[in-house]
Amino acid sequence: MTQDLNLSGAVLIAMPGMGDDRFDRSVVLICAHSDDGAMGLIVNKPAEELAFSDLLEQLDIDGADEGRDIRVHLGGPVERGRGFVLHSGDYDSPGSMTIEGGFGVTATLDVLQALADGGGPARAILALGYSGWGPGQLEEELARNDWLMLPQAEADLIFAEDAGGKWVSHLRALGVDPLVLSPAGGRA
């Protein structure tokens, strides 16, 4: 089923009325996709109650005065206690996974220490949890019109400061006016 379709680096944009409140107006960067399923990170749902500095303190990571402060997001409903740093492709460590389109994701403490010390990737967000799909599940959701898909992520949209505007900006990148979207899909 997915042999000819690799969605790594694609962006899913939740359609209105998809039926799952956890993904309402979500923008998801697909990090991995294979016959075994898919894994992605929501990039537009900030974790308002948690700052990066709070997380570093919880993990006993000391930073330098010039340490960086990155945004913390809710990456999805699976394993919310696990953190993933989604970053630009200029950072690589033994624990990094490359994502199509010049992105990477790292789930090891070394990237957090690098950021706390003022280094690390040029662009980054921290996602708590991830979005996961079993074999064929994502393809079924796409066929049901639960998601629109932007075939290749754009870094300026993924790392934009305005998390609340990412859903609209990704729709516009597809040439879709959010005001004309209907929760009902159809086939001709």
N, C-alpha and C. Protein backbone atom coordinates (compact mmCIF):
# COMPACT_ATOMS: atom_id res chain seq x y z
N MET A 1 0.82 -1.20 0.00
CA MET A 1 0.00 0.00 0.00
C MET A 1 0.86 1.26 0.00
N THR A 2 1.86 1.34 0.89
CA THR A 2 2.68 2.55 0.97
C THR A 2 3.98 2.40 0.19
N GLN A 3 4.17 1.29 -0.53
CA GLN A 3 5.43 1.07 -1.22
C GLN A 3 5.76 2.23 -2.16
N ASP A 4 4.78 2.78 -2.86
CA ASP A 4 5.02 3.86 -3.79
C ASP A 4 4.77 5.23 -3.16
N LEU A 5 4.34 5.26 -1.93
CA LEU A 5 3.96 6.50 -1.27
C LEU A 5 4.78 6.66 0.00
N ASN A 6 5.70 7.63 0.00
CA ASN A 6 6.45 7.93 1.21
C ASN A 6 6.11 9.36 1.59
N LEU A 7 5.43 9.52 2.69
CA LEU A 7 4.96 10.84 3.10
C LEU A 7 5.91 11.56 4.04
N SER A 8 7.10 11.01 4.29
CA SER A 8 8.06 11.68 5.16
C SER A 8 8.36 13.07 4.60
N GLY A 9 8.21 14.08 5.45
CA GLY A 9 8.43 15.46 5.05
C GLY A 9 7.18 16.17 4.55
N ALA A 10 6.08 15.43 4.42
CA ALA A 10 4.81 16.05 4.02
C ALA A 10 4.14 16.66 5.24
N VAL A 11 3.20 17.54 4.99
CA VAL A 11 2.45 18.20 6.06
C VAL A 11 0.98 17.85 5.91
N LEU A 12 0.38 17.41 7.00
CA LEU A 12 -1.06 17.16 7.04
C LEU A 12 -1.74 18.35 7.67
N ILE A 13 -2.83 18.77 7.06
CA ILE A 13 -3.62 19.90 7.56
C ILE A 13 -5.02 19.37 7.84
N ALA A 14 -5.41 19.40 9.10
CA ALA A 14 -6.70 18.84 9.49
C ALA A 14 -7.86 19.57 8.82
N MET A 15 -8.78 18.78 8.29
CA MET A 15 -10.00 19.34 7.70
C MET A 15 -11.00 19.65 8.82
N PRO A 16 -11.83 20.68 8.62
CA PRO A 16 -12.88 20.94 9.61
C PRO A 16 -13.80 19.72 9.72
N GLY A 17 -14.21 19.43 10.91
CA GLY A 17 -15.15 18.34 11.13
C GLY A 17 -14.56 16.96 10.96
N MET A 18 -13.27 16.81 11.17
CA MET A 18 -12.64 15.49 10.98
C MET A 18 -13.11 14.48 12.03
N GLY A 19 -13.67 14.95 13.11
CA GLY A 19 -14.25 14.03 14.08
C GLY A 19 -13.33 13.65 15.23
N ASP A 20 -12.12 14.18 15.29
CA ASP A 20 -11.20 13.89 16.38
C ASP A 20 -10.71 15.22 16.95
N ASP A 21 -11.26 15.62 18.09
CA ASP A 21 -10.95 16.91 18.69
C ASP A 21 -9.46 17.09 18.98
N ARG A 22 -8.74 15.99 19.18
CA ARG A 22 -7.31 16.09 19.46
C ARG A 22 -6.55 16.69 18.29
N PHE A 23 -7.13 16.62 17.09
CA PHE A 23 -6.47 17.12 15.90
C PHE A 23 -7.19 18.31 15.27
N ASP A 24 -8.12 18.92 15.98
CA ASP A 24 -8.86 20.06 15.45
C ASP A 24 -7.90 21.16 15.02
N ARG A 25 -7.97 21.57 13.75
CA ARG A 25 -7.11 22.62 13.17
C ARG A 25 -5.62 22.34 13.36
N SER A 26 -5.25 21.08 13.37
CA SER A 26 -3.84 20.71 13.54
C SER A 26 -3.07 20.75 12.24
N VAL A 27 -1.78 21.02 12.38
CA VAL A 27 -0.81 20.92 11.30
C VAL A 27 0.23 19.92 11.77
N VAL A 28 0.41 18.84 11.01
CA VAL A 28 1.29 17.74 11.43
C VAL A 28 2.38 17.53 10.39
N LEU A 29 3.63 17.59 10.82
CA LEU A 29 4.75 17.24 9.95
C LEU A 29 4.98 15.74 10.08
N ILE A 30 4.93 15.02 8.96
CA ILE A 30 5.17 13.58 8.97
C ILE A 30 6.67 13.35 9.03
N CYS A 31 7.12 12.67 10.09
CA CYS A 31 8.54 12.42 10.30
C CYS A 31 8.97 11.08 9.70
N ALA A 32 8.09 10.10 9.73
CA ALA A 32 8.41 8.77 9.21
C ALA A 32 7.14 8.13 8.67
N HIS A 33 7.29 7.38 7.58
CA HIS A 33 6.15 6.72 6.95
C HIS A 33 6.65 5.47 6.23
N SER A 34 6.01 4.35 6.52
CA SER A 34 6.37 3.08 5.88
C SER A 34 5.16 2.16 5.91
N ASP A 35 5.34 0.94 5.45
CA ASP A 35 4.26 -0.05 5.52
C ASP A 35 3.84 -0.35 6.96
N ASP A 36 4.71 -0.03 7.92
CA ASP A 36 4.42 -0.29 9.33
C ASP A 36 3.58 0.80 9.98
N GLY A 37 3.40 1.93 9.29
CA GLY A 37 2.62 3.02 9.83
C GLY A 37 3.32 4.35 9.63
N ALA A 38 2.91 5.33 10.41
CA ALA A 38 3.46 6.68 10.26
C ALA A 38 3.58 7.34 11.63
N MET A 39 4.50 8.30 11.71
CA MET A 39 4.74 9.07 12.92
C MET A 39 4.90 10.52 12.51
N GLY A 40 4.24 11.43 13.23
CA GLY A 40 4.36 12.84 12.93
C GLY A 40 4.27 13.68 14.19
N LEU A 41 4.55 14.96 14.04
CA LEU A 41 4.50 15.90 15.16
C LEU A 41 3.59 17.07 14.81
N ILE A 42 2.66 17.37 15.71
CA ILE A 42 1.83 18.56 15.56
C ILE A 42 2.73 19.77 15.83
N VAL A 43 2.68 20.76 14.94
CA VAL A 43 3.58 21.91 15.07
C VAL A 43 2.87 23.21 15.40
N ASN A 44 1.56 23.14 15.68
CA ASN A 44 0.84 24.39 15.92
C ASN A 44 -0.01 24.37 17.20
N LYS A 45 0.35 23.53 18.15
CA LYS A 45 -0.40 23.48 19.42
C LYS A 45 0.57 23.72 20.59
N PRO A 46 0.81 24.99 20.93
CA PRO A 46 1.73 25.27 22.04
C PRO A 46 1.24 24.69 23.36
N ALA A 47 2.19 24.25 24.17
CA ALA A 47 1.90 23.79 25.53
C ALA A 47 1.99 25.02 26.43
N GLU A 48 0.88 25.70 26.56
CA GLU A 48 0.86 26.99 27.26
C GLU A 48 1.37 26.89 28.70
N GLU A 49 1.18 25.74 29.32
CA GLU A 49 1.51 25.60 30.73
C GLU A 49 2.96 25.21 31.00
N LEU A 50 3.76 25.03 29.94
CA LEU A 50 5.13 24.56 30.14
C LEU A 50 6.10 25.35 29.28
N ALA A 51 7.08 25.95 29.94
CA ALA A 51 8.14 26.68 29.25
C ALA A 51 9.36 25.77 29.11
N PHE A 52 10.18 26.05 28.12
CA PHE A 52 11.40 25.27 27.89
C PHE A 52 12.29 25.29 29.12
N SER A 53 12.41 26.44 29.79
CA SER A 53 13.24 26.55 30.99
C SER A 53 12.72 25.63 32.11
N ASP A 54 11.39 25.50 32.21
CA ASP A 54 10.80 24.59 33.20
C ASP A 54 11.20 23.15 32.91
N LEU A 55 11.15 22.79 31.65
CA LEU A 55 11.51 21.43 31.25
C LEU A 55 12.98 21.15 31.55
N LEU A 56 13.86 22.11 31.23
CA LEU A 56 15.29 21.94 31.52
C LEU A 56 15.51 21.74 33.01
N GLU A 57 14.79 22.50 33.81
CA GLU A 57 14.91 22.38 35.27
C GLU A 57 14.46 21.00 35.74
N GLN A 58 13.34 20.51 35.19
CA GLN A 58 12.85 19.18 35.56
C GLN A 58 13.85 18.08 35.21
N LEU A 59 14.60 18.29 34.13
CA LEU A 59 15.56 17.29 33.67
C LEU A 59 16.96 17.52 34.24
N ASP A 60 17.10 18.50 35.14
CA ASP A 60 18.39 18.86 35.74
C ASP A 60 19.44 19.20 34.69
N ILE A 61 19.03 19.95 33.68
CA ILE A 61 19.96 20.41 32.65
C ILE A 61 20.27 21.87 32.92
N ASP A 62 21.54 22.12 33.22
CA ASP A 62 21.98 23.49 33.46
C ASP A 62 22.37 24.10 32.13
N GLY A 63 21.99 25.35 31.96
CA GLY A 63 22.32 26.05 30.72
C GLY A 63 23.21 27.23 30.97
N ALA A 64 23.77 27.74 29.90
CA ALA A 64 24.58 28.94 29.96
C ALA A 64 23.67 30.16 29.93
N ASP A 65 24.23 31.31 30.28
CA ASP A 65 23.46 32.54 30.24
C ASP A 65 22.94 32.83 28.84
N GLU A 66 23.70 32.40 27.83
CA GLU A 66 23.29 32.64 26.44
C GLU A 66 22.44 31.50 25.89
N GLY A 67 21.95 30.64 26.79
CA GLY A 67 21.11 29.52 26.37
C GLY A 67 19.87 29.98 25.62
N ARG A 68 19.36 29.10 24.78
CA ARG A 68 18.23 29.44 23.94
C ARG A 68 16.92 29.01 24.59
N ASP A 69 15.87 29.70 24.22
CA ASP A 69 14.54 29.38 24.71
C ASP A 69 13.70 29.01 23.50
N ILE A 70 13.32 27.75 23.39
CA ILE A 70 12.51 27.33 22.26
C ILE A 70 11.09 27.07 22.73
N ARG A 71 10.16 27.05 21.78
CA ARG A 71 8.77 26.84 22.12
C ARG A 71 8.48 25.36 22.37
N VAL A 72 7.60 25.11 23.31
CA VAL A 72 7.17 23.75 23.63
C VAL A 72 5.76 23.56 23.06
N HIS A 73 5.57 22.46 22.34
CA HIS A 73 4.28 22.16 21.71
C HIS A 73 3.78 20.80 22.17
N LEU A 74 2.50 20.56 21.96
CA LEU A 74 1.92 19.24 22.15
C LEU A 74 2.04 18.55 20.79
N GLY A 75 2.92 17.56 20.70
CA GLY A 75 3.22 16.90 19.42
C GLY A 75 2.19 15.89 18.99
N GLY A 76 1.35 15.47 19.92
CA GLY A 76 0.32 14.49 19.60
C GLY A 76 -0.11 13.74 20.83
N PRO A 77 -1.11 12.89 20.68
CA PRO A 77 -1.69 12.22 21.84
C PRO A 77 -0.93 10.99 22.33
N VAL A 78 0.09 10.54 21.62
CA VAL A 78 0.82 9.33 21.99
C VAL A 78 2.06 9.70 22.80
N GLU A 79 2.27 9.03 23.93
CA GLU A 79 3.45 9.20 24.80
C GLU A 79 3.74 10.67 25.10
N ARG A 80 2.78 11.35 25.69
CA ARG A 80 2.92 12.78 25.98
C ARG A 80 4.07 13.11 26.93
N GLY A 81 4.58 12.12 27.63
CA GLY A 81 5.71 12.35 28.53
C GLY A 81 7.05 12.29 27.82
N ARG A 82 7.04 12.00 26.55
CA ARG A 82 8.28 11.88 25.77
C ARG A 82 8.45 13.12 24.91
N GLY A 83 9.68 13.64 24.86
CA GLY A 83 9.94 14.85 24.10
C GLY A 83 10.72 14.59 22.83
N PHE A 84 10.39 15.37 21.79
CA PHE A 84 11.06 15.31 20.50
C PHE A 84 11.42 16.73 20.08
N VAL A 85 12.66 16.96 19.73
CA VAL A 85 13.04 18.27 19.21
C VAL A 85 13.01 18.18 17.69
N LEU A 86 12.06 18.90 17.10
CA LEU A 86 11.98 19.02 15.65
C LEU A 86 12.86 20.21 15.29
N HIS A 87 13.78 19.99 14.35
CA HIS A 87 14.76 21.03 14.08
C HIS A 87 15.16 21.10 12.62
N SER A 88 15.86 22.18 12.31
CA SER A 88 16.42 22.35 10.98
C SER A 88 17.50 21.29 10.76
N GLY A 89 17.80 21.02 9.51
CA GLY A 89 18.73 19.95 9.16
C GLY A 89 20.19 20.24 9.43
N ASP A 90 20.50 21.40 10.00
CA ASP A 90 21.89 21.75 10.27
C ASP A 90 22.44 21.09 11.54
N TYR A 91 21.61 20.35 12.24
CA TYR A 91 22.04 19.69 13.48
C TYR A 91 21.94 18.18 13.28
N ASP A 92 22.97 17.49 13.72
CA ASP A 92 22.96 16.03 13.61
C ASP A 92 23.70 15.46 14.81
N SER A 93 23.11 14.46 15.40
CA SER A 93 23.76 13.74 16.48
C SER A 93 23.43 12.26 16.27
N PRO A 94 24.10 11.37 17.00
CA PRO A 94 23.81 9.94 16.81
C PRO A 94 22.34 9.58 17.03
N GLY A 95 21.60 10.39 17.77
CA GLY A 95 20.19 10.11 18.02
C GLY A 95 19.24 10.83 17.09
N SER A 96 19.74 11.51 16.07
CA SER A 96 18.89 12.27 15.16
C SER A 96 18.35 11.41 14.03
N MET A 97 17.12 11.74 13.62
CA MET A 97 16.51 11.11 12.46
C MET A 97 16.30 12.20 11.41
N THR A 98 16.74 11.93 10.19
CA THR A 98 16.58 12.88 9.10
C THR A 98 15.18 12.77 8.53
N ILE A 99 14.58 13.93 8.26
CA ILE A 99 13.25 14.00 7.66
C ILE A 99 13.40 14.68 6.31
N GLU A 100 12.72 14.16 5.31
CA GLU A 100 12.77 14.74 3.97
C GLU A 100 12.52 16.24 4.03
N GLY A 101 13.23 16.99 3.19
CA GLY A 101 12.99 18.42 3.09
C GLY A 101 13.88 19.28 3.97
N GLY A 102 14.91 18.69 4.58
CA GLY A 102 15.84 19.49 5.36
C GLY A 102 15.47 19.66 6.83
N PHE A 103 14.79 18.68 7.38
CA PHE A 103 14.42 18.71 8.80
C PHE A 103 15.07 17.53 9.50
N GLY A 104 15.06 17.58 10.81
CA GLY A 104 15.50 16.46 11.62
C GLY A 104 14.69 16.43 12.89
N VAL A 105 14.73 15.28 13.55
CA VAL A 105 14.09 15.16 14.86
C VAL A 105 15.05 14.39 15.75
N THR A 106 15.22 14.90 16.96
CA THR A 106 16.13 14.29 17.92
C THR A 106 15.40 14.14 19.24
N ALA A 107 15.50 12.95 19.83
CA ALA A 107 14.80 12.68 21.08
C ALA A 107 15.78 12.33 22.21
N THR A 108 17.01 12.80 22.10
CA THR A 108 18.00 12.54 23.13
C THR A 108 18.34 13.83 23.87
N LEU A 109 18.90 13.69 25.07
CA LEU A 109 19.17 14.86 25.90
C LEU A 109 20.26 15.76 25.35
N ASP A 110 21.11 15.24 24.45
CA ASP A 110 22.21 16.06 23.95
C ASP A 110 21.72 17.31 23.21
N VAL A 111 20.62 17.20 22.49
CA VAL A 111 20.11 18.38 21.78
C VAL A 111 19.56 19.41 22.78
N LEU A 112 18.95 18.94 23.86
CA LEU A 112 18.47 19.88 24.88
C LEU A 112 19.63 20.59 25.55
N GLN A 113 20.72 19.85 25.84
CA GLN A 113 21.90 20.46 26.44
C GLN A 113 22.53 21.47 25.48
N ALA A 114 22.60 21.12 24.20
CA ALA A 114 23.16 22.04 23.21
C ALA A 114 22.35 23.33 23.15
N LEU A 115 21.04 23.22 23.15
CA LEU A 115 20.18 24.41 23.13
C LEU A 115 20.34 25.22 24.42
N ALA A 116 20.41 24.53 25.56
CA ALA A 116 20.58 25.21 26.85
C ALA A 116 21.91 25.95 26.93
N ASP A 117 22.90 25.46 26.17
CA ASP A 117 24.22 26.09 26.15
C ASP A 117 24.33 27.19 25.10
N GLY A 118 23.24 27.40 24.33
CA GLY A 118 23.25 28.45 23.32
C GLY A 118 23.58 27.95 21.92
N GLY A 119 23.74 26.65 21.75
CA GLY A 119 24.07 26.08 20.44
C GLY A 119 22.91 25.28 19.89
N GLY A 120 23.25 24.17 19.26
CA GLY A 120 22.23 23.29 18.69
C GLY A 120 21.77 23.77 17.33
N PRO A 121 20.64 23.28 16.89
CA PRO A 121 20.12 23.63 15.56
C PRO A 121 19.71 25.09 15.48
N ALA A 122 19.77 25.63 14.27
CA ALA A 122 19.40 27.03 14.06
C ALA A 122 17.92 27.27 14.38
N ARG A 123 17.07 26.30 14.04
CA ARG A 123 15.64 26.43 14.28
C ARG A 123 15.14 25.16 14.95
N ALA A 124 14.28 25.34 15.96
CA ALA A 124 13.80 24.16 16.69
C ALA A 124 12.53 24.46 17.46
N ILE A 125 11.72 23.41 17.61
CA ILE A 125 10.61 23.43 18.55
C ILE A 125 10.65 22.08 19.28
N LEU A 126 10.18 22.07 20.50
CA LEU A 126 10.11 20.85 21.29
C LEU A 126 8.67 20.37 21.29
N ALA A 127 8.47 19.14 20.92
CA ALA A 127 7.13 18.55 20.90
C ALA A 127 7.04 17.48 21.98
N LEU A 128 6.01 17.57 22.81
CA LEU A 128 5.75 16.55 23.82
C LEU A 128 4.72 15.59 23.25
N GLY A 129 5.09 14.34 23.12
CA GLY A 129 4.23 13.34 22.51
C GLY A 129 4.34 13.39 21.00
N TYR A 130 3.66 12.45 20.37
CA TYR A 130 3.67 12.41 18.91
C TYR A 130 2.34 11.89 18.40
N SER A 131 2.17 11.98 17.12
CA SER A 131 0.97 11.49 16.44
C SER A 131 1.38 10.22 15.70
N GLY A 132 0.65 9.15 15.92
CA GLY A 132 1.02 7.88 15.30
C GLY A 132 -0.15 7.22 14.60
N TRP A 133 0.15 6.50 13.53
CA TRP A 133 -0.84 5.77 12.76
C TRP A 133 -0.33 4.36 12.53
N GLY A 134 -1.21 3.37 12.64
CA GLY A 134 -0.88 1.99 12.35
C GLY A 134 -0.83 1.76 10.85
N PRO A 135 -0.47 0.53 10.44
CA PRO A 135 -0.40 0.23 9.01
C PRO A 135 -1.70 0.55 8.28
N GLY A 136 -1.60 1.38 7.25
CA GLY A 136 -2.76 1.73 6.43
C GLY A 136 -3.69 2.76 7.02
N GLN A 137 -3.56 3.09 8.29
CA GLN A 137 -4.50 4.01 8.95
C GLN A 137 -4.43 5.42 8.37
N LEU A 138 -3.23 5.94 8.17
CA LEU A 138 -3.11 7.28 7.61
C LEU A 138 -3.67 7.34 6.19
N GLU A 139 -3.39 6.32 5.40
CA GLU A 139 -3.91 6.28 4.03
C GLU A 139 -5.44 6.28 4.03
N GLU A 140 -6.05 5.57 5.00
CA GLU A 140 -7.51 5.57 5.12
C GLU A 140 -8.03 6.95 5.48
N GLU A 141 -7.35 7.64 6.40
CA GLU A 141 -7.77 8.97 6.80
C GLU A 141 -7.64 9.96 5.64
N LEU A 142 -6.59 9.81 4.83
CA LEU A 142 -6.44 10.67 3.65
C LEU A 142 -7.55 10.39 2.64
N ALA A 143 -7.87 9.13 2.43
CA ALA A 143 -8.94 8.76 1.49
C ALA A 143 -10.30 9.26 1.96
N ARG A 144 -10.49 9.38 3.29
CA ARG A 144 -11.74 9.87 3.88
C ARG A 144 -11.81 11.40 3.88
N ASN A 145 -10.76 12.02 3.40
CA ASN A 145 -10.67 13.49 3.38
C ASN A 145 -10.61 14.10 4.78
N ASP A 146 -9.99 13.39 5.73
CA ASP A 146 -9.78 13.96 7.06
C ASP A 146 -8.67 15.01 7.04
N TRP A 147 -7.76 14.87 6.08
CA TRP A 147 -6.59 15.73 5.99
C TRP A 147 -6.42 16.25 4.57
N LEU A 148 -5.90 17.46 4.47
CA LEU A 148 -5.32 17.95 3.23
C LEU A 148 -3.82 17.74 3.37
N MET A 149 -3.12 17.58 2.27
CA MET A 149 -1.69 17.30 2.37
C MET A 149 -0.89 18.27 1.51
N LEU A 150 0.11 18.87 2.14
CA LEU A 150 1.11 19.67 1.46
C LEU A 150 2.29 18.72 1.26
N PRO A 151 2.63 18.38 0.02
CA PRO A 151 3.62 17.32 -0.22
C PRO A 151 5.00 17.56 0.39
N GLN A 152 5.39 18.82 0.53
CA GLN A 152 6.70 19.13 1.10
C GLN A 152 6.58 20.27 2.09
N ALA A 153 7.08 20.06 3.29
CA ALA A 153 7.04 21.09 4.33
C ALA A 153 7.94 22.26 3.96
N GLU A 154 7.53 23.44 4.38
CA GLU A 154 8.33 24.65 4.20
C GLU A 154 8.79 25.10 5.59
N ALA A 155 10.09 25.22 5.77
CA ALA A 155 10.65 25.55 7.08
C ALA A 155 10.07 26.84 7.66
N ASP A 156 9.88 27.87 6.82
CA ASP A 156 9.36 29.14 7.34
C ASP A 156 7.96 28.98 7.92
N LEU A 157 7.17 28.06 7.36
CA LEU A 157 5.83 27.82 7.90
C LEU A 157 5.88 26.93 9.14
N ILE A 158 6.72 25.90 9.11
CA ILE A 158 6.82 24.97 10.25
C ILE A 158 7.32 25.68 11.50
N PHE A 159 8.35 26.53 11.35
CA PHE A 159 8.96 27.19 12.51
C PHE A 159 8.44 28.61 12.74
N ALA A 160 7.36 29.00 12.09
CA ALA A 160 6.80 30.34 12.27
C ALA A 160 6.48 30.60 13.73
N GLU A 161 6.67 31.83 14.15
CA GLU A 161 6.40 32.21 15.55
C GLU A 161 4.92 32.13 15.90
N ASP A 162 4.06 32.45 14.96
CA ASP A 162 2.62 32.50 15.20
C ASP A 162 2.03 31.10 15.06
N ALA A 163 2.05 30.33 16.16
CA ALA A 163 1.54 28.96 16.12
C ALA A 163 0.07 28.93 15.73
N GLY A 164 -0.69 29.90 16.20
CA GLY A 164 -2.11 29.95 15.90
C GLY A 164 -2.42 30.20 14.43
N GLY A 165 -1.51 30.80 13.70
CA GLY A 165 -1.72 31.10 12.30
C GLY A 165 -1.21 30.03 11.35
N LYS A 166 -0.58 28.98 11.87
CA LYS A 166 0.01 27.96 11.01
C LYS A 166 -1.02 27.17 10.20
N TRP A 167 -2.19 26.94 10.77
CA TRP A 167 -3.22 26.18 10.03
C TRP A 167 -3.63 26.97 8.79
N VAL A 168 -3.91 28.25 8.96
CA VAL A 168 -4.32 29.08 7.84
C VAL A 168 -3.17 29.24 6.84
N SER A 169 -1.94 29.48 7.32
CA SER A 169 -0.83 29.70 6.39
C SER A 169 -0.51 28.44 5.58
N HIS A 170 -0.69 27.26 6.17
CA HIS A 170 -0.47 26.02 5.42
C HIS A 170 -1.58 25.80 4.38
N LEU A 171 -2.82 26.14 4.75
CA LEU A 171 -3.90 26.05 3.78
C LEU A 171 -3.63 26.99 2.60
N ARG A 172 -3.20 28.19 2.90
CA ARG A 172 -2.92 29.16 1.83
C ARG A 172 -1.76 28.70 0.96
N ALA A 173 -0.78 28.00 1.55
CA ALA A 173 0.33 27.45 0.75
C ALA A 173 -0.18 26.43 -0.27
N LEU A 174 -1.30 25.80 0.04
CA LEU A 174 -1.95 24.88 -0.90
C LEU A 174 -2.87 25.59 -1.88
N GLY A 175 -3.06 26.90 -1.66
CA GLY A 175 -3.99 27.65 -2.50
C GLY A 175 -5.43 27.50 -2.06
N VAL A 176 -5.65 27.15 -0.79
CA VAL A 176 -6.99 26.91 -0.25
C VAL A 176 -7.37 28.07 0.67
N ASP A 177 -8.55 28.62 0.44
CA ASP A 177 -9.10 29.65 1.32
C ASP A 177 -9.83 28.95 2.46
N PRO A 178 -9.38 29.14 3.70
CA PRO A 178 -10.02 28.45 4.83
C PRO A 178 -11.51 28.75 4.97
N LEU A 179 -11.97 29.88 4.46
CA LEU A 179 -13.37 30.24 4.59
C LEU A 179 -14.28 29.40 3.70
N VAL A 180 -13.71 28.75 2.69
CA VAL A 180 -14.55 27.95 1.79
C VAL A 180 -14.46 26.45 2.08
N LEU A 181 -13.72 26.08 3.11
CA LEU A 181 -13.62 24.66 3.46
C LEU A 181 -14.94 24.16 4.04
N SER A 182 -15.31 22.98 3.65
CA SER A 182 -16.52 22.35 4.16
C SER A 182 -16.13 21.10 4.93
N PRO A 183 -16.82 20.81 6.03
CA PRO A 183 -16.52 19.59 6.77
C PRO A 183 -16.94 18.32 6.02
N ALA A 184 -17.71 18.46 4.97
CA ALA A 184 -18.15 17.30 4.20
C ALA A 184 -17.30 17.18 2.95
N GLY A 185 -16.81 15.97 2.68
CA GLY A 185 -16.02 15.72 1.49
C GLY A 185 -16.84 14.94 0.50
N GLY A 186 -16.37 14.88 -0.72
CA GLY A 186 -17.09 14.12 -1.73
C GLY A 186 -16.16 13.67 -2.83
N ARG A 187 -16.68 12.84 -3.68
CA ARG A 187 -15.92 12.33 -4.82
C ARG A 187 -16.80 12.46 -6.07
N ALA A 188 -16.19 12.84 -7.15
CA ALA A 188 -16.94 12.96 -8.42
C ALA A 188 -16.85 11.66 -9.19
